[in-house]
Amino acid sequence: MLFNSLQFVFFFIVVSILYYLLRQRGRVWLLLLASCYFYMAFKPVYILILLFTILVDYFAGFLIHNAEGGKRKTYLIISLVTNIGFLAIFKYFNFINLNITYLLGLAGMENPIPNYPLELPIGLSFHTFQAMSYTIEVYRRNQKPEKDFIIYSLYVMFYPQLVAGPIERPQNLLWQFHSFFKYNFENVKAGLIRIAWGMFKKVVIADRLSMMVDFCYDNPSEHSGLTLMVATLFFSIQIYCDFSGYSDIAIGCARLMGFKLMENFNVPYISKSISEFWSRWHISLSGWFRDYLYIPLGGNRVKEGRLYFNYFIVFMISGLWHGAAWTFVIWGSLHGIYLILAMVRKKYFDFKIGHGRIQDTLNMLFTFILVTFSWVFFRARGLGNAKTILSKMMNPGDYQNFDGPFNSVEMWFCIFLLVFLMVKEIKWPVIQTTNTARFYFFFSALMVACYFFGVFTSNQFIYFQF
């Protein structure tokens, strides 16, 4: 069930109304059943995978908490292997098997294991990481095991953030499911305006830009370097509006019922460095890798060479988390290399160009260029396509004509939307709703804009595939 579908509108209205009509226990059951229905709307059978991992992690929490010594770690490993095992089978088996087949082929051998047409359960990486957070935090004694099986199940399956985050920690979310939130019109207003803004970013901006991006990236050899450059710039904005738009809708849906989810984006394209970019982009995932991979590897408490290795391996794995393809591995590795080079430059070649705002503007522009360059690998349909796109974009002789799908009016409208987005996100990051008349005005304006200018082609959110 897509957030940008009529089916979800009815689902959201019914669930929200029933939520406030029920008492605490009824609300928990309602949200769990609604979340099951929401997930099964994609492919019903995969609810069994969720159920199995929920059972394993629920009991693992008690076993870890009550055990001592090496047994605690053993139970944690069983939980992690179960979660990662499903992720490995559905997301990485064919990728690994294809690479084995290629390597065996170089040696003149055949791989006896065939590929299987496995369909990736939607949002598998997100709810897997959220479930792993629970058992890790119990192991670290930062979280007591949740006794209520229904509430623990809801922690894993809470429909607003089930398939694309934010990836919540148990300390932030579990206690909220035990709380009874009275109807509060301020929460309703704040939730609805957040949903409306997220929907605007998705259907008016992201899905409009996707028409240009898809047109060019599906057949890059047929387009000029100038066209591909514009498409790549558009993709930088598309993926931001698409993913942050989902997060806005998720946070808004939860807020309307009284729940508070963590912020997942903080205007990432104004970052003055790659490290700042990752403190503003997909914050819940960045924090997950920091706390559960980077710090256990030694973090920054190690020697210089090991520190560089830690950064590189974390970002390479982050790339692989996004997708089972070498393009994603390269995308993640590039960001690791960016960070390493930034540290080397700061230590051995520390210099500044300009001062104050001039320097900040140059740093911001350079960071955006680096991030946009890496998005080519994220979006390309394989390494061959990425090579074609980059070679055309870097050829000045291929900038003589623009052959995109938009006419001049549509292009200017896209530019207007980008300027509007930039001004709003930087100057007015939060739409205030304390004034009820102002709330009705902005909510109505955003909904009217979505209706008249939205692109409704049933485009799923980009991060649903992860």
Protein backbone atom coordinates (compact mmCIF):
# COMPACT_ATOMS: atom_id res chain seq x y z
CA MET A 1 0.00 0.00 0.00
CA LEU A 2 1.62 3.24 -1.16
CA PHE A 3 1.33 6.45 0.82
CA ASN A 4 0.53 8.27 -2.42
CA SER A 5 -2.50 6.09 -3.21
CA LEU A 6 -6.22 6.51 -2.67
CA GLN A 7 -6.25 3.17 -0.86
CA PHE A 8 -3.92 4.57 1.80
CA VAL A 9 -6.03 7.72 2.23
CA PHE A 10 -9.04 5.60 3.23
CA PHE A 11 -6.87 3.31 5.36
CA PHE A 12 -5.30 6.26 7.18
CA ILE A 13 -8.64 7.98 7.88
CA VAL A 14 -10.32 4.82 9.21
CA VAL A 15 -7.35 3.80 11.39
CA SER A 16 -6.90 7.31 12.81
CA ILE A 17 -10.58 7.68 13.73
CA LEU A 18 -10.80 4.23 15.31
CA TYR A 19 -7.58 4.88 17.22
CA TYR A 20 -9.11 7.76 19.16
CA LEU A 21 -12.33 5.84 19.80
CA LEU A 22 -10.57 2.97 21.56
CA ARG A 23 -8.95 2.50 24.94
CA GLN A 24 -5.25 1.76 25.33
CA ARG A 25 -5.31 -2.01 24.76
CA GLY A 26 -7.70 -1.69 21.87
CA ARG A 27 -5.39 0.89 20.27
CA VAL A 28 -2.42 -1.46 20.44
CA TRP A 29 -4.38 -4.27 18.81
CA LEU A 30 -5.79 -1.89 16.20
CA LEU A 31 -2.35 -0.59 15.21
CA LEU A 32 -0.87 -4.09 15.02
CA LEU A 33 -3.71 -5.44 12.88
CA ALA A 34 -3.66 -2.32 10.72
CA SER A 35 0.11 -2.66 10.28
CA CYS A 36 -0.30 -6.31 9.26
CA TYR A 37 -2.93 -5.32 6.71
CA PHE A 38 -0.72 -2.48 5.45
CA TYR A 39 2.23 -4.84 4.95
CA MET A 40 0.17 -7.66 3.44
CA ALA A 41 -1.22 -5.26 0.84
CA PHE A 42 2.15 -5.66 -0.92
CA LYS A 43 2.58 -9.44 -0.76
CA PRO A 44 0.67 -11.36 1.95
CA VAL A 45 2.94 -14.40 2.26
CA TYR A 46 5.92 -12.35 3.42
CA ILE A 47 4.15 -11.56 6.68
CA LEU A 48 5.34 -15.03 7.73
CA ILE A 49 8.98 -13.87 7.58
CA LEU A 50 8.17 -10.96 9.85
CA LEU A 51 6.28 -13.22 12.25
CA PHE A 52 9.16 -15.69 12.48
CA THR A 53 11.81 -13.02 13.15
CA ILE A 54 9.53 -11.32 15.68
CA LEU A 55 9.16 -14.60 17.60
CA VAL A 56 12.91 -15.26 17.52
CA ASP A 57 13.85 -11.76 18.70
CA TYR A 58 11.09 -11.58 21.33
CA PHE A 59 12.32 -14.72 23.10
CA ALA A 60 15.97 -13.86 22.41
CA GLY A 61 15.46 -10.66 24.39
CA PHE A 62 14.55 -12.65 27.54
CA LEU A 63 17.29 -15.22 27.03
CA ILE A 64 19.92 -12.50 26.60
CA HIS A 65 18.66 -10.56 29.61
CA ASN A 66 18.60 -13.58 31.95
CA ALA A 67 21.83 -15.22 30.81
CA GLU A 68 25.35 -14.56 32.04
CA GLY A 69 28.78 -14.75 30.49
CA GLY A 70 29.22 -16.26 27.06
CA LYS A 71 25.61 -17.44 26.84
CA ARG A 72 24.43 -13.83 26.45
CA LYS A 73 26.57 -13.39 23.38
CA THR A 74 25.48 -16.78 22.01
CA TYR A 75 21.81 -15.81 22.21
CA LEU A 76 22.56 -12.45 20.61
CA ILE A 77 24.40 -14.14 17.76
CA ILE A 78 21.47 -16.50 17.17
CA SER A 79 19.14 -13.51 16.92
CA LEU A 80 21.45 -11.57 14.60
CA VAL A 81 22.14 -14.57 12.37
CA THR A 82 18.40 -15.19 12.00
CA ASN A 83 17.75 -11.60 10.96
CA ILE A 84 20.77 -11.28 8.71
CA GLY A 85 20.09 -14.74 7.31
CA PHE A 86 16.75 -13.73 5.83
CA LEU A 87 18.34 -10.54 4.50
CA ALA A 88 21.16 -12.54 2.93
CA ILE A 89 18.84 -15.07 1.30
CA PHE A 90 16.33 -12.67 -0.20
CA LYS A 91 18.58 -9.72 -0.95
CA TYR A 92 22.08 -11.04 -1.55
CA PHE A 93 21.90 -14.70 -2.56
CA ASN A 94 21.55 -14.10 -6.30
CA PHE A 95 24.13 -11.27 -6.22
CA ILE A 96 26.71 -13.50 -4.52
CA ASN A 97 25.84 -16.46 -6.73
CA LEU A 98 26.20 -14.42 -9.92
CA ASN A 99 29.66 -13.27 -8.87
CA ILE A 100 30.67 -16.85 -8.01
CA THR A 101 29.43 -17.95 -11.44
CA TYR A 102 31.53 -15.21 -13.06
CA LEU A 103 34.69 -16.15 -11.14
CA LEU A 104 34.23 -19.85 -11.86
CA GLY A 105 33.70 -18.98 -15.51
CA LEU A 106 37.09 -17.27 -15.62
CA ALA A 107 38.60 -20.54 -14.45
CA GLY A 108 36.65 -22.51 -17.05
CA MET A 109 34.27 -23.99 -14.50
CA GLU A 110 30.50 -23.99 -14.11
CA ASN A 111 28.52 -23.06 -11.04
CA PRO A 112 26.15 -25.93 -10.18
CA ILE A 113 23.93 -23.66 -8.07
CA PRO A 114 21.32 -21.80 -10.14
CA ASN A 115 19.85 -18.40 -9.35
CA TYR A 116 16.36 -18.35 -7.89
CA PRO A 117 13.66 -15.78 -8.75
CA LEU A 118 13.37 -14.44 -5.20
CA GLU A 119 11.26 -11.32 -4.78
CA LEU A 120 12.66 -9.03 -2.09
CA PRO A 121 10.15 -8.47 0.73
CA ILE A 122 9.39 -4.77 0.79
CA GLY A 123 11.32 -2.78 3.37
CA LEU A 124 13.20 -5.89 4.55
CA SER A 125 16.40 -3.98 5.37
CA PHE A 126 14.54 -1.41 7.46
CA HIS A 127 12.56 -3.65 9.78
CA THR A 128 15.51 -6.06 10.02
CA PHE A 129 17.77 -3.29 11.32
CA GLN A 130 15.08 -2.09 13.71
CA ALA A 131 14.66 -5.61 15.12
CA MET A 132 18.42 -5.99 15.47
CA SER A 133 18.54 -2.70 17.41
CA TYR A 134 16.28 -4.26 20.04
CA THR A 135 18.36 -7.34 20.79
CA ILE A 136 21.63 -5.38 20.69
CA GLU A 137 20.29 -2.81 23.15
CA VAL A 138 19.03 -5.59 25.43
CA TYR A 139 22.48 -7.20 25.23
CA ARG A 140 24.10 -3.89 26.15
CA ARG A 141 21.64 -3.58 29.06
CA ASN A 142 20.33 -0.29 27.69
CA GLN A 143 16.85 -1.79 27.27
CA LYS A 144 14.88 -4.28 29.33
CA PRO A 145 13.16 -7.04 27.35
CA GLU A 146 9.61 -6.16 26.36
CA LYS A 147 7.19 -8.50 28.17
CA ASP A 148 4.15 -7.69 26.04
CA PHE A 149 4.41 -9.69 22.82
CA ILE A 150 1.78 -7.55 21.07
CA ILE A 151 3.63 -4.32 21.84
CA TYR A 152 6.97 -5.81 20.76
CA SER A 153 5.36 -6.93 17.51
CA LEU A 154 4.03 -3.41 17.00
CA TYR A 155 7.53 -2.02 17.60
CA VAL A 156 8.75 -4.00 14.59
CA MET A 157 5.65 -3.50 12.45
CA PHE A 158 4.37 0.03 13.22
CA TYR A 159 2.89 0.89 9.82
CA PRO A 160 4.08 4.52 9.37
CA GLN A 161 7.75 3.54 9.43
CA LEU A 162 7.55 -0.18 8.65
CA VAL A 163 8.91 -0.20 5.11
CA ALA A 164 11.24 2.82 4.88
CA GLY A 165 12.02 4.07 8.38
CA PRO A 166 13.03 6.05 10.28
CA ILE A 167 14.85 3.12 11.92
CA GLU A 168 13.88 3.58 15.55
CA ARG A 169 15.65 2.43 18.71
CA PRO A 170 13.58 0.58 21.33
CA GLN A 171 14.33 3.26 23.94
CA ASN A 172 12.49 5.84 21.85
CA LEU A 173 9.52 3.86 20.61
CA LEU A 174 8.55 1.00 22.94
CA TRP A 175 7.52 3.19 25.88
CA GLN A 176 5.25 5.20 23.61
CA PHE A 177 3.17 2.11 22.80
CA HIS A 178 2.53 1.73 26.53
CA SER A 179 1.28 5.33 26.76
CA PHE A 180 -2.26 6.56 26.27
CA PHE A 181 -2.23 9.73 24.19
CA LYS A 182 -5.36 11.81 24.57
CA TYR A 183 -6.83 13.49 21.53
CA ASN A 184 -4.89 16.70 20.95
CA PHE A 185 -5.84 19.00 18.08
CA GLU A 186 -2.30 20.43 18.04
CA ASN A 187 -0.93 16.97 17.31
CA VAL A 188 -3.54 16.48 14.60
CA LYS A 189 -2.65 19.79 12.95
CA ALA A 190 1.09 19.14 13.18
CA GLY A 191 0.64 15.64 11.78
CA LEU A 192 -1.59 16.65 8.89
CA ILE A 193 0.61 19.53 7.77
CA ARG A 194 3.65 17.25 7.87
CA ILE A 195 1.81 14.66 5.79
CA ALA A 196 0.71 17.33 3.30
CA TRP A 197 4.25 18.67 2.89
CA GLY A 198 5.65 15.17 2.47
CA MET A 199 3.01 14.38 -0.13
CA PHE A 200 3.81 17.62 -1.98
CA LYS A 201 7.51 16.72 -2.10
CA LYS A 202 6.68 13.25 -3.40
CA VAL A 203 3.97 13.76 -6.03
CA VAL A 204 4.63 17.34 -7.15
CA ILE A 205 8.44 17.47 -7.10
CA ALA A 206 9.96 13.97 -6.93
CA ASP A 207 7.58 12.22 -9.32
CA ARG A 208 7.73 15.13 -11.77
CA LEU A 209 11.53 15.09 -11.82
CA SER A 210 11.48 11.31 -12.16
CA MET A 211 9.98 11.66 -15.65
CA MET A 212 13.19 13.39 -16.76
CA VAL A 213 15.46 11.06 -14.79
CA ASP A 214 13.82 7.84 -16.01
CA PHE A 215 13.72 9.10 -19.60
CA CYS A 216 17.49 9.71 -19.62
CA TYR A 217 18.84 6.96 -17.35
CA ASP A 218 16.88 4.17 -19.02
CA ASN A 219 18.74 4.77 -22.31
CA PRO A 220 21.76 6.99 -21.55
CA SER A 221 23.54 6.26 -24.84
CA GLU A 222 20.72 8.04 -26.71
CA HIS A 223 21.09 11.36 -24.86
CA SER A 224 23.59 14.18 -24.81
CA GLY A 225 25.96 14.94 -21.95
CA LEU A 226 24.02 18.10 -21.17
CA THR A 227 20.76 16.16 -20.89
CA LEU A 228 22.35 13.56 -18.65
CA MET A 229 23.87 16.28 -16.47
CA VAL A 230 20.47 17.89 -15.95
CA ALA A 231 18.93 14.46 -15.28
CA THR A 232 21.61 13.73 -12.68
CA LEU A 233 21.02 17.06 -10.93
CA PHE A 234 17.31 16.33 -11.01
CA PHE A 235 17.90 12.91 -9.47
CA SER A 236 19.74 14.52 -6.55
CA ILE A 237 16.59 16.47 -5.80
CA GLN A 238 14.24 13.62 -6.69
CA ILE A 239 15.75 11.15 -4.25
CA TYR A 240 15.79 13.76 -1.50
CA CYS A 241 12.14 14.73 -2.03
CA ASP A 242 11.10 11.10 -2.46
CA PHE A 243 12.80 9.76 0.66
CA SER A 244 12.39 12.78 2.93
CA GLY A 245 8.80 13.03 1.69
CA TYR A 246 8.19 9.46 2.90
CA SER A 247 9.78 10.32 6.25
CA ASP A 248 7.57 13.41 6.53
CA ILE A 249 4.44 11.35 5.90
CA ALA A 250 5.56 8.65 8.36
CA ILE A 251 6.37 11.20 11.07
CA GLY A 252 3.09 13.01 10.38
CA CYS A 253 0.97 9.84 10.57
CA ALA A 254 2.56 8.94 13.90
CA ARG A 255 2.34 12.48 15.28
CA LEU A 256 -1.39 12.67 14.55
CA MET A 257 -1.84 9.76 17.00
CA GLY A 258 0.52 11.27 19.57
CA PHE A 259 3.67 9.29 18.72
CA LYS A 260 6.97 11.03 18.04
CA LEU A 261 9.37 9.46 15.55
CA MET A 262 12.91 10.72 15.12
CA GLU A 263 13.77 13.19 12.38
CA ASN A 264 15.47 11.52 9.43
CA PHE A 265 16.59 14.53 7.35
CA ASN A 266 17.91 17.99 8.14
CA VAL A 267 18.40 19.93 4.88
CA PRO A 268 21.36 17.75 3.75
CA TYR A 269 22.24 19.73 0.61
CA ILE A 270 23.43 22.74 2.60
CA SER A 271 26.20 20.59 4.09
CA LYS A 272 29.71 22.02 3.91
CA SER A 273 31.42 18.62 4.07
CA ILE A 274 30.66 14.95 3.45
CA SER A 275 30.72 14.21 7.18
CA GLU A 276 28.14 16.95 7.73
CA PHE A 277 26.08 15.56 4.86
CA TRP A 278 25.85 12.20 6.62
CA SER A 279 24.81 13.90 9.85
CA ARG A 280 21.87 15.37 7.92
CA TRP A 281 20.96 12.58 5.42
CA HIS A 282 19.12 9.39 6.50
CA ILE A 283 20.02 10.19 10.09
CA SER A 284 18.52 7.02 11.54
CA LEU A 285 20.65 4.77 9.29
CA SER A 286 23.82 6.83 9.81
CA GLY A 287 23.32 6.55 13.57
CA TRP A 288 22.70 2.81 13.28
CA PHE A 289 25.96 2.18 11.46
CA ARG A 290 27.84 4.50 13.82
CA ASP A 291 26.60 2.80 17.00
CA TYR A 292 26.48 -0.81 15.86
CA LEU A 293 29.37 -1.07 13.37
CA TYR A 294 31.74 1.90 13.41
CA ILE A 295 32.17 2.13 17.21
CA PRO A 296 32.49 -1.69 17.69
CA LEU A 297 35.24 -1.60 15.02
CA GLY A 298 37.11 0.82 17.27
CA GLY A 299 35.64 4.09 16.01
CA ASN A 300 38.15 6.93 16.13
CA ARG A 301 40.03 5.43 19.08
CA VAL A 302 42.41 3.58 16.77
CA LYS A 303 45.53 4.34 14.76
CA GLU A 304 45.28 6.44 11.63
CA GLY A 305 45.39 3.58 9.14
CA ARG A 306 42.78 1.59 11.02
CA LEU A 307 40.58 4.69 11.27
CA TYR A 308 40.61 5.04 7.49
CA PHE A 309 39.77 1.35 7.17
CA ASN A 310 36.86 1.74 9.60
CA TYR A 311 35.38 4.59 7.59
CA PHE A 312 35.77 2.76 4.31
CA ILE A 313 34.31 -0.56 5.47
CA VAL A 314 31.32 1.13 7.13
CA PHE A 315 30.40 3.07 4.02
CA MET A 316 31.04 0.14 1.70
CA ILE A 317 28.65 -1.98 3.79
CA SER A 318 26.21 0.94 3.83
CA GLY A 319 26.27 0.86 0.04
CA LEU A 320 25.65 -2.88 0.03
CA TRP A 321 22.77 -2.37 2.49
CA HIS A 322 21.10 -0.18 -0.13
CA GLY A 323 21.23 -2.77 -2.86
CA ALA A 324 22.79 -6.03 -4.02
CA ALA A 325 24.74 -4.58 -6.94
CA TRP A 326 28.25 -3.31 -7.55
CA THR A 327 26.86 0.13 -8.35
CA PHE A 328 25.66 0.45 -4.74
CA VAL A 329 28.97 -0.85 -3.41
CA ILE A 330 30.81 1.79 -5.45
CA TRP A 331 28.37 4.49 -4.30
CA GLY A 332 29.00 3.66 -0.64
CA SER A 333 32.74 3.24 -1.17
CA LEU A 334 32.95 6.64 -2.82
CA HIS A 335 31.54 8.29 0.28
CA GLY A 336 34.07 6.41 2.39
CA ILE A 337 36.87 7.63 0.11
CA TYR A 338 35.50 11.19 0.28
CA LEU A 339 35.71 11.11 4.09
CA ILE A 340 39.22 9.63 4.10
CA LEU A 341 40.51 12.23 1.63
CA ALA A 342 38.90 14.99 3.69
CA MET A 343 40.73 13.77 6.80
CA VAL A 344 44.04 13.51 4.91
CA ARG A 345 43.60 17.00 3.49
CA LYS A 346 42.78 18.45 6.89
CA LYS A 347 45.82 16.82 8.49
CA TYR A 348 48.45 17.40 5.82
CA PHE A 349 47.15 20.09 3.47
CA ASP A 350 44.92 22.29 5.60
CA PHE A 351 44.15 25.39 3.58
CA LYS A 352 41.18 27.63 2.99
CA ILE A 353 39.81 29.33 -0.09
CA GLY A 354 38.15 32.60 0.77
CA HIS A 355 36.71 33.54 4.12
CA GLY A 356 33.37 33.42 5.90
CA ARG A 357 30.37 33.10 3.61
CA ILE A 358 32.52 32.72 0.50
CA GLN A 359 34.29 29.72 1.96
CA ASP A 360 31.02 28.22 3.24
CA THR A 361 29.40 28.63 -0.17
CA LEU A 362 32.34 27.01 -1.97
CA ASN A 363 32.41 24.12 0.51
CA MET A 364 28.66 23.66 0.11
CA LEU A 365 28.91 23.66 -3.68
CA PHE A 366 31.85 21.24 -3.70
CA THR A 367 30.06 18.86 -1.32
CA PHE A 368 26.94 18.93 -3.48
CA ILE A 369 29.02 18.15 -6.58
CA LEU A 370 30.65 15.16 -4.86
CA VAL A 371 27.31 13.82 -3.63
CA THR A 372 25.68 14.33 -7.04
CA PHE A 373 28.56 12.55 -8.79
CA SER A 374 28.08 9.53 -6.52
CA TRP A 375 24.32 9.46 -7.22
CA VAL A 376 25.16 8.40 -10.79
CA PHE A 377 26.16 4.95 -9.49
CA PHE A 378 23.14 4.81 -7.17
CA ARG A 379 20.69 5.41 -10.03
CA ALA A 380 22.42 3.76 -13.00
CA ARG A 381 21.18 0.40 -14.26
CA GLY A 382 24.55 -1.29 -13.92
CA LEU A 383 28.21 -0.38 -14.26
CA GLY A 384 27.99 -0.16 -18.06
CA ASN A 385 25.27 2.48 -17.87
CA ALA A 386 27.18 4.40 -15.21
CA LYS A 387 30.28 4.44 -17.41
CA THR A 388 28.24 5.69 -20.38
CA ILE A 389 26.63 8.45 -18.33
CA LEU A 390 29.90 9.67 -16.82
CA SER A 391 31.78 9.59 -20.12
CA LYS A 392 29.09 11.66 -21.81
CA MET A 393 28.83 14.11 -18.91
CA MET A 394 32.61 14.65 -18.95
CA ASN A 395 32.76 15.26 -22.69
CA PRO A 396 32.43 19.03 -23.38
CA GLY A 397 31.68 18.31 -27.02
CA ASP A 398 28.50 16.51 -25.99
CA TYR A 399 26.90 19.63 -24.51
CA GLN A 400 25.61 21.14 -27.73
CA ASN A 401 21.97 20.14 -27.45
CA PHE A 402 19.35 19.33 -24.85
CA ASP A 403 17.01 16.45 -25.70
CA GLY A 404 15.00 15.93 -22.53
CA PRO A 405 11.26 15.10 -22.40
CA PHE A 406 10.22 18.52 -21.06
CA ASN A 407 9.39 21.59 -23.09
CA SER A 408 10.57 25.02 -21.98
CA VAL A 409 7.47 25.71 -19.85
CA GLU A 410 7.80 22.40 -18.01
CA MET A 411 11.52 22.98 -17.45
CA TRP A 412 10.90 26.44 -15.98
CA PHE A 413 8.22 24.98 -13.74
CA CYS A 414 10.72 22.39 -12.49
CA ILE A 415 13.25 25.14 -11.80
CA PHE A 416 10.59 27.11 -9.92
CA LEU A 417 9.82 24.05 -7.78
CA LEU A 418 13.51 23.59 -6.96
CA VAL A 419 13.88 27.21 -5.91
CA PHE A 420 10.70 27.01 -3.86
CA LEU A 421 11.92 23.83 -2.18
CA MET A 422 15.31 25.36 -1.35
CA VAL A 423 13.82 28.52 0.15
CA LYS A 424 11.21 26.64 2.15
CA GLU A 425 13.60 24.01 3.55
CA ILE A 426 16.29 26.54 4.50
CA LYS A 427 14.28 29.55 5.62
CA TRP A 428 11.12 27.87 6.87
CA PRO A 429 11.94 24.25 7.84
CA VAL A 430 8.83 23.84 10.02
CA ILE A 431 5.35 24.95 8.99
CA GLN A 432 3.87 26.36 12.19
CA THR A 433 0.34 25.19 12.98
CA THR A 434 -0.38 26.87 16.33
CA ASN A 435 -2.51 29.39 14.47
CA THR A 436 -5.49 27.34 13.29
CA ALA A 437 -6.41 29.68 10.43
CA ARG A 438 -2.83 29.47 9.14
CA PHE A 439 -2.97 25.68 9.38
CA TYR A 440 -6.14 25.46 7.30
CA PHE A 441 -4.67 27.80 4.70
CA PHE A 442 -1.38 25.95 4.24
CA PHE A 443 -2.90 22.48 4.47
CA SER A 444 -5.51 23.39 1.86
CA ALA A 445 -2.90 25.03 -0.38
CA LEU A 446 -0.64 21.96 -0.28
CA MET A 447 -3.51 19.58 -0.98
CA VAL A 448 -4.77 21.71 -3.88
CA ALA A 449 -1.23 21.86 -5.27
CA CYS A 450 -0.92 18.07 -5.01
CA TYR A 451 -4.25 17.61 -6.80
CA PHE A 452 -3.55 19.98 -9.69
CA PHE A 453 0.22 19.63 -10.09
CA GLY A 454 0.90 16.15 -8.72
CA VAL A 455 2.07 13.29 -10.92
CA PHE A 456 -0.05 10.27 -10.04
CA THR A 457 1.45 7.28 -11.82
CA SER A 458 1.53 4.86 -8.86
CA ASN A 459 5.26 5.45 -8.43
CA GLN A 460 6.43 3.67 -5.30
CA PHE A 461 8.91 5.39 -3.02
CA ILE A 462 12.51 4.75 -4.07
CA TYR A 463 13.56 3.36 -0.68
CA PHE A 464 10.75 0.78 -0.64
CA GLN A 465 13.10 -1.47 -2.66
CA PHE A 466 15.56 -1.57 0.22
